[in-house]
């Protein structure tokens, strides 16, 4: 039930128009307290490691990651999450549209990824409220990631 509620949160968050040159990943915890709730850098490494295990084990997401540059994906996720949580990192990867436009990700694929992330956060004892804050911060990127059939 928790996974359903958080998935609804992702889809219910309005897509806000961002001005050009705006930070695509605004900091939501300037004091770094959210970053600390995730265990800092080491915690984010553990979470992204577990996330990769989860997405590879899930038949709904396996094909997106089996041949992907997983270390590059993990590095990008750590940078994004660290930045958003006020950990002082800078994201140096591709923008979300460029990174996902050719993948054909559908709603159900995106939902499966969110579930895998939630499982990784649970395994690493990230408080539920902290999980929700991160997911809400990432929700606007749904429109850049879901590009496959049935989008809309």
Protein backbone atom coordinates (compact mmCIF):
# COMPACT_ATOMS: atom_id res chain seq x y z
CA UNK A 1 0.00 0.00 0.00
CA UNK A 2 2.86 2.37 0.79
CA UNK A 3 4.26 1.92 -2.73
CA UNK A 4 0.89 2.77 -4.25
CA UNK A 5 0.59 5.92 -2.15
CA UNK A 6 4.04 7.16 -3.15
CA UNK A 7 3.46 6.37 -6.81
CA UNK A 8 0.26 8.41 -6.66
CA UNK A 9 2.30 11.22 -5.10
CA UNK A 10 4.63 11.17 -8.08
CA UNK A 11 1.84 11.35 -10.62
CA UNK A 12 -0.21 13.90 -8.69
CA UNK A 13 2.59 16.45 -8.39
CA UNK A 14 1.97 19.22 -10.92
CA UNK A 15 4.52 19.68 -13.66
CA UNK A 16 5.75 23.21 -13.15
CA UNK A 17 7.25 25.15 -16.01
CA UNK A 18 10.86 25.99 -15.23
CA UNK A 19 12.54 29.07 -16.60
CA UNK A 20 15.55 28.48 -18.82
CA UNK A 21 18.82 28.12 -16.96
CA UNK A 22 16.95 27.27 -13.75
CA UNK A 23 18.45 24.52 -11.63
CA UNK A 24 16.67 21.40 -12.89
CA UNK A 25 17.21 19.84 -9.45
CA UNK A 26 16.40 22.50 -6.84
CA UNK A 27 17.84 21.99 -3.36
CA UNK A 28 15.02 21.09 -0.95
CA UNK A 29 17.10 20.81 2.20
CA UNK A 30 19.67 23.64 2.27
CA UNK A 31 20.84 22.68 5.75
CA UNK A 32 21.76 19.15 4.60
CA UNK A 33 19.52 17.46 7.15
CA UNK A 34 17.83 15.38 4.46
CA UNK A 35 21.23 14.33 3.13
CA UNK A 36 22.13 13.16 6.63
CA UNK A 37 18.81 11.27 6.93
CA UNK A 38 19.93 9.28 3.89
CA UNK A 39 23.29 8.51 5.50
CA UNK A 40 25.34 11.05 3.55
CA UNK A 41 27.45 9.95 0.62
CA UNK A 42 27.98 6.42 1.93
CA UNK A 43 24.23 6.00 2.43
CA UNK A 44 23.53 7.15 -1.12
CA UNK A 45 26.10 4.68 -2.46
CA UNK A 46 24.41 1.84 -0.56
CA UNK A 47 20.96 2.91 -1.77
CA UNK A 48 22.02 3.14 -5.42
CA UNK A 49 23.84 -0.19 -5.16
CA UNK A 50 20.66 -1.78 -3.82
CA UNK A 51 18.58 0.02 -6.44
CA UNK A 52 20.66 -1.54 -9.23
CA UNK A 53 20.23 -5.00 -7.70
CA UNK A 54 16.48 -4.40 -7.51
CA UNK A 55 16.01 -3.12 -11.07
CA UNK A 56 18.05 -5.99 -12.50
CA UNK A 57 16.02 -8.52 -10.53
CA UNK A 58 12.69 -7.02 -11.62
CA UNK A 59 11.51 -8.25 -15.04
CA UNK A 60 9.71 -4.92 -15.54
CA UNK A 61 12.97 -2.95 -15.45
CA UNK A 62 15.67 -5.52 -16.15
CA UNK A 63 15.99 -4.80 -19.88
CA UNK A 64 16.56 -1.08 -19.31
CA UNK A 65 19.58 -1.75 -17.08
CA UNK A 66 21.19 -5.02 -18.16
CA UNK A 67 23.29 -3.41 -20.93
CA UNK A 68 23.36 0.10 -19.44
CA UNK A 69 26.40 1.81 -17.98
CA UNK A 70 25.26 1.15 -14.43
CA UNK A 71 28.24 2.81 -12.75
CA UNK A 72 27.51 5.98 -14.72
CA UNK A 73 23.82 5.79 -13.78
CA UNK A 74 24.68 5.29 -10.11
CA UNK A 75 27.12 8.21 -10.15
CA UNK A 76 24.48 10.45 -11.71
CA UNK A 77 21.82 9.41 -9.22
CA UNK A 78 24.16 9.98 -6.29
CA UNK A 79 25.02 13.44 -7.63
CA UNK A 80 21.36 14.36 -8.19
CA UNK A 81 20.17 13.05 -4.83
CA UNK A 82 23.10 14.65 -2.98
CA UNK A 83 22.48 18.01 -4.67
CA UNK A 84 18.72 17.98 -4.04
CA UNK A 85 19.26 17.05 -0.40
CA UNK A 86 21.74 19.85 0.26
CA UNK A 87 24.82 17.62 0.37
CA UNK A 88 26.88 20.02 -1.73
CA UNK A 89 27.22 17.89 -4.87
CA UNK A 90 26.87 19.07 -8.44
CA UNK A 91 25.20 16.98 -11.14
CA UNK A 92 27.47 16.68 -14.19
CA UNK A 93 25.42 14.29 -16.32
CA UNK A 94 22.98 14.69 -19.19
CA UNK A 95 19.67 16.44 -18.73
CA UNK A 96 16.74 14.13 -18.08
CA UNK A 97 15.21 14.51 -21.55
CA UNK A 98 18.47 13.71 -23.32
CA UNK A 99 19.20 10.78 -21.03
CA UNK A 100 15.78 9.14 -21.42
CA UNK A 101 14.26 10.23 -24.75
CA UNK A 102 15.29 7.15 -26.73
CA UNK A 103 14.44 4.58 -24.07
CA UNK A 104 10.67 4.36 -24.57
CA UNK A 105 9.98 4.29 -20.84
CA UNK A 106 6.30 3.73 -20.09
CA UNK A 107 4.27 4.59 -16.98
CA UNK A 108 4.50 1.02 -15.69
CA UNK A 109 8.29 1.00 -16.16
CA UNK A 110 8.60 4.25 -14.23
CA UNK A 111 6.37 2.92 -11.45
CA UNK A 112 8.51 -0.22 -11.20
CA UNK A 113 11.65 1.90 -10.86
CA UNK A 114 10.06 3.98 -8.10
CA UNK A 115 9.11 0.77 -6.27
CA UNK A 116 12.70 -0.49 -6.59
CA UNK A 117 14.01 2.80 -5.20
CA UNK A 118 11.56 2.62 -2.29
CA UNK A 119 12.71 -0.93 -1.50
CA UNK A 120 16.34 0.23 -1.52
CA UNK A 121 15.53 3.15 0.77
CA UNK A 122 13.57 0.87 3.13
CA UNK A 123 16.44 -1.63 3.23
CA UNK A 124 18.76 1.20 4.22
CA UNK A 125 16.40 2.46 6.93
CA UNK A 126 15.67 5.84 5.36
CA UNK A 127 12.77 7.37 7.30
CA UNK A 128 9.47 7.34 5.40
CA UNK A 129 9.10 11.13 5.55
CA UNK A 130 12.60 11.58 4.09
CA UNK A 131 11.75 9.15 1.29
CA UNK A 132 8.63 11.14 0.48
CA UNK A 133 10.57 14.40 0.36
CA UNK A 134 13.04 12.97 -2.17
CA UNK A 135 10.31 11.40 -4.30
CA UNK A 136 8.32 14.64 -4.32
CA UNK A 137 11.44 16.57 -5.39
CA UNK A 138 12.05 14.15 -8.26
CA UNK A 139 8.40 13.92 -9.37
CA UNK A 140 8.51 16.84 -11.84
CA UNK A 141 11.04 14.86 -13.91
CA UNK A 142 8.41 12.23 -14.66
CA UNK A 143 7.44 14.15 -17.80
CA UNK A 144 11.03 14.01 -19.09
CA UNK A 145 11.53 10.33 -18.31
CA UNK A 146 8.27 8.73 -19.46
CA UNK A 147 8.42 8.90 -23.24
CA UNK A 148 7.08 5.52 -24.28
CA UNK A 149 3.74 4.34 -25.65
CA UNK A 150 0.75 5.45 -23.67
CA UNK A 151 2.45 8.60 -22.40
CA UNK A 152 0.05 11.19 -21.24
